Amino acid sequence: MAVVATLAVTGSAARTSTAYDGPFTFSSTLSAPAPNYTTYYTSSISPANMGGSYNHQGTLYTSSGTKGIGGANPFYSNSTAGITKAVDHMAWYSSSQGSAYATTTVTW
């Protein structure tokens, strides 16, 4: 079972959600809007050198609608105007070593 911790850093320009499953750390960060209203979202699965398959799948909620999160790499990033929330289902799978997964949610 994954353990999830969400941290809102006071006085900082970022919010982070971190989850753990086995040896893996699943982490998501959402930045404060920049002056041009671009918001930066990044997420990662670490360690990134375990072989197997990595996956990100989820949704970015923005002021103008939703956008999909998707990728088969340990790292994912997106810069979009007005991201207010990100839900990222992250997973790792190996046919010989099993699987690890967690969902992170970051809200601005």
C-alpha atoms as a PDB file:
ATOM      1  CA  MET A   1       0.000   0.000   0.000  1.00  0.00           C
ATOM      2  CA  ALA A   2       1.360   3.398  -0.945  1.00  0.00           C
ATOM      3  CA  VAL A   3       1.909   6.088   1.640  1.00  0.00           C
ATOM      4  CA  VAL A   4       1.135   9.624   0.484  1.00  0.00           C
ATOM      5  CA  ALA A   5       2.281  12.884   2.026  1.00  0.00           C
ATOM      6  CA  THR A   6       1.315  16.301   0.708  1.00  0.00           C
ATOM      7  CA  LEU A   7       3.359  19.349   1.574  1.00  0.00           C
ATOM      8  CA  ALA A   8       2.381  22.973   1.027  1.00  0.00           C
ATOM      9  CA  VAL A   9       5.492  25.016   1.577  1.00  0.00           C
ATOM     10  CA  THR A  10       4.653  28.358   3.165  1.00  0.00           C
ATOM     11  CA  GLY A  11       6.376  31.234   1.463  1.00  0.00           C
ATOM     12  CA  SER A  12       7.548  29.016  -1.347  1.00  0.00           C
ATOM     13  CA  ALA A  13       6.531  29.048  -4.979  1.00  0.00           C
ATOM     14  CA  ALA A  14       5.797  25.334  -5.135  1.00  0.00           C
ATOM     15  CA  ARG A  15       3.621  22.631  -3.680  1.00  0.00           C
ATOM     16  CA  THR A  16       4.663  19.005  -3.600  1.00  0.00           C
ATOM     17  CA  SER A  17       2.976  15.656  -3.091  1.00  0.00           C
ATOM     18  CA  THR A  18       5.105  12.594  -2.411  1.00  0.00           C
ATOM     19  CA  ALA A  19       4.114   8.932  -2.180  1.00  0.00           C
ATOM     20  CA  TYR A  20       6.123   5.790  -1.446  1.00  0.00           C
ATOM     21  CA  ASP A  21       5.688   2.164  -2.477  1.00  0.00           C
ATOM     22  CA  GLY A  22       8.479  -0.309  -1.880  1.00  0.00           C
ATOM     23  CA  PRO A  23      11.784   1.158  -2.974  1.00  0.00           C
ATOM     24  CA  PHE A  24      10.080   3.814  -5.102  1.00  0.00           C
ATOM     25  CA  THR A  25       9.363   7.467  -4.448  1.00  0.00           C
ATOM     26  CA  PHE A  26       6.629   9.095  -6.528  1.00  0.00           C
ATOM     27  CA  SER A  27       6.807  12.891  -6.406  1.00  0.00           C
ATOM     28  CA  SER A  28       4.834  15.726  -8.018  1.00  0.00           C
ATOM     29  CA  THR A  29       5.460  19.457  -7.860  1.00  0.00           C
ATOM     30  CA  LEU A  30       3.255  22.316  -8.986  1.00  0.00           C
ATOM     31  CA  SER A  31       4.774  25.788  -9.169  1.00  0.00           C
ATOM     32  CA  ALA A  32       3.189  29.124  -8.467  1.00  0.00           C
ATOM     33  CA  PRO A  33       1.954  30.941 -11.554  1.00  0.00           C
ATOM     34  CA  ALA A  34       4.654  33.048 -13.102  1.00  0.00           C
ATOM     35  CA  PRO A  35       3.914  36.622 -14.186  1.00  0.00           C
ATOM     36  CA  ASN A  36       2.791  35.301 -17.576  1.00  0.00           C
ATOM     37  CA  TYR A  37       0.438  32.838 -15.814  1.00  0.00           C
ATOM     38  CA  THR A  38       2.420  29.813 -16.957  1.00  0.00           C
ATOM     39  CA  THR A  39       2.340  27.117 -14.286  1.00  0.00           C
ATOM     40  CA  TYR A  40       4.942  24.370 -14.177  1.00  0.00           C
ATOM     41  CA  TYR A  41       4.137  20.787 -13.257  1.00  0.00           C
ATOM     42  CA  THR A  42       6.762  18.083 -12.879  1.00  0.00           C
ATOM     43  CA  SER A  43       6.560  14.533 -11.582  1.00  0.00           C
ATOM     44  CA  SER A  44       9.037  11.728 -11.178  1.00  0.00           C
ATOM     45  CA  ILE A  45       9.415   8.092 -10.247  1.00  0.00           C
ATOM     46  CA  SER A  46      12.701   7.268  -8.580  1.00  0.00           C
ATOM     47  CA  PRO A  47      14.949   5.413  -8.711  1.00  0.00           C
ATOM     48  CA  ALA A  48      14.898   5.786 -12.475  1.00  0.00           C
ATOM     49  CA  ASN A  49      17.367   3.007 -13.262  1.00  0.00           C
ATOM     50  CA  MET A  50      15.403  -0.084 -12.211  1.00  0.00           C
ATOM     51  CA  GLY A  51      14.603  -1.300 -15.707  1.00  0.00           C
ATOM     52  CA  GLY A  52      11.032  -2.401 -16.219  1.00  0.00           C
ATOM     53  CA  SER A  53       8.274  -0.054 -17.369  1.00  0.00           C
ATOM     54  CA  TYR A  54       7.480   3.409 -16.015  1.00  0.00           C
ATOM     55  CA  ASN A  55       4.150   5.140 -16.563  1.00  0.00           C
ATOM     56  CA  HIS A  56       2.423   8.448 -15.830  1.00  0.00           C
ATOM     57  CA  GLN A  57      -1.295   8.856 -16.462  1.00  0.00           C
ATOM     58  CA  GLY A  58      -3.603  11.487 -15.067  1.00  0.00           C
ATOM     59  CA  THR A  59      -5.151  14.922 -15.461  1.00  0.00           C
ATOM     60  CA  LEU A  60      -4.080  18.538 -15.258  1.00  0.00           C
ATOM     61  CA  TYR A  61      -6.911  20.870 -14.290  1.00  0.00           C
ATOM     62  CA  THR A  62      -6.508  24.365 -15.692  1.00  0.00           C
ATOM     63  CA  SER A  63      -8.484  27.577 -15.763  1.00  0.00           C
ATOM     64  CA  SER A  64      -9.577  26.708 -19.297  1.00  0.00           C
ATOM     65  CA  GLY A  65     -10.330  22.984 -18.933  1.00  0.00           C
ATOM     66  CA  THR A  66      -8.401  19.744 -18.510  1.00  0.00           C
ATOM     67  CA  LYS A  67      -5.337  18.236 -20.153  1.00  0.00           C
ATOM     68  CA  GLY A  68      -4.091  14.683 -19.999  1.00  0.00           C
ATOM     69  CA  ILE A  69      -0.908  13.543 -18.285  1.00  0.00           C
ATOM     70  CA  GLY A  70       0.792  10.646 -20.014  1.00  0.00           C
ATOM     71  CA  GLY A  71       4.219   9.215 -20.511  1.00  0.00           C
ATOM     72  CA  ALA A  72       6.342   6.098 -20.289  1.00  0.00           C
ATOM     73  CA  ASN A  73       9.414   7.716 -18.734  1.00  0.00           C
ATOM     74  CA  PRO A  74      10.477   8.121 -15.086  1.00  0.00           C
ATOM     75  CA  PHE A  75      10.052  11.907 -15.472  1.00  0.00           C
ATOM     76  CA  TYR A  76       7.157  14.028 -16.737  1.00  0.00           C
ATOM     77  CA  SER A  77       6.838  17.788 -17.106  1.00  0.00           C
ATOM     78  CA  ASN A  78       4.301  20.231 -18.457  1.00  0.00           C
ATOM     79  CA  SER A  79       4.068  24.016 -18.525  1.00  0.00           C
ATOM     80  CA  THR A  80       0.553  25.297 -19.116  1.00  0.00           C
ATOM     81  CA  ALA A  81      -1.294  28.471 -18.281  1.00  0.00           C
ATOM     82  CA  GLY A  82      -3.355  28.331 -15.111  1.00  0.00           C
ATOM     83  CA  ILE A  83      -2.852  24.803 -13.749  1.00  0.00           C
ATOM     84  CA  THR A  84      -4.826  24.624 -10.512  1.00  0.00           C
ATOM     85  CA  LYS A  85      -4.627  20.898  -9.782  1.00  0.00           C
ATOM     86  CA  ALA A  86      -2.742  17.835 -10.982  1.00  0.00           C
ATOM     87  CA  VAL A  87      -3.671  14.197 -10.382  1.00  0.00           C
ATOM     88  CA  ASP A  88      -0.978  11.788 -11.525  1.00  0.00           C
ATOM     89  CA  HIS A  89      -1.256   7.995 -11.389  1.00  0.00           C
ATOM     90  CA  MET A  90       2.332   6.762 -11.512  1.00  0.00           C
ATOM     91  CA  ALA A  91       3.420   3.161 -11.817  1.00  0.00           C
ATOM     92  CA  TRP A  92       6.404   0.913 -12.332  1.00  0.00           C
ATOM     93  CA  TYR A  93       6.194  -2.684 -13.479  1.00  0.00           C
ATOM     94  CA  SER A  94       8.716  -5.456 -14.007  1.00  0.00           C
ATOM     95  CA  SER A  95       7.780  -8.977 -15.060  1.00  0.00           C
ATOM     96  CA  SER A  96      10.516 -10.349 -12.813  1.00  0.00           C
ATOM     97  CA  GLN A  97      10.343  -7.935  -9.871  1.00  0.00           C
ATOM     98  CA  GLY A  98       6.669  -7.025  -9.516  1.00  0.00           C
ATOM     99  CA  SER A  99       5.095  -3.584  -9.460  1.00  0.00           C
ATOM    100  CA  ALA A 100       4.833  -0.341  -7.520  1.00  0.00           C
ATOM    101  CA  TYR A 101       2.281   2.418  -7.908  1.00  0.00           C
ATOM    102  CA  ALA A 102       0.782   5.481  -6.275  1.00  0.00           C
ATOM    103  CA  THR A 103      -1.372   8.509  -7.042  1.00  0.00           C
ATOM    104  CA  THR A 104      -0.232  12.009  -6.202  1.00  0.00           C
ATOM    105  CA  THR A 105      -2.528  15.032  -6.089  1.00  0.00           C
ATOM    106  CA  VAL A 106      -1.243  18.589  -6.002  1.00  0.00           C
ATOM    107  CA  THR A 107      -3.636  21.545  -5.693  1.00  0.00           C
ATOM    108  CA  TRP A 108      -2.711  25.173  -5.953  1.00  0.00           C
END
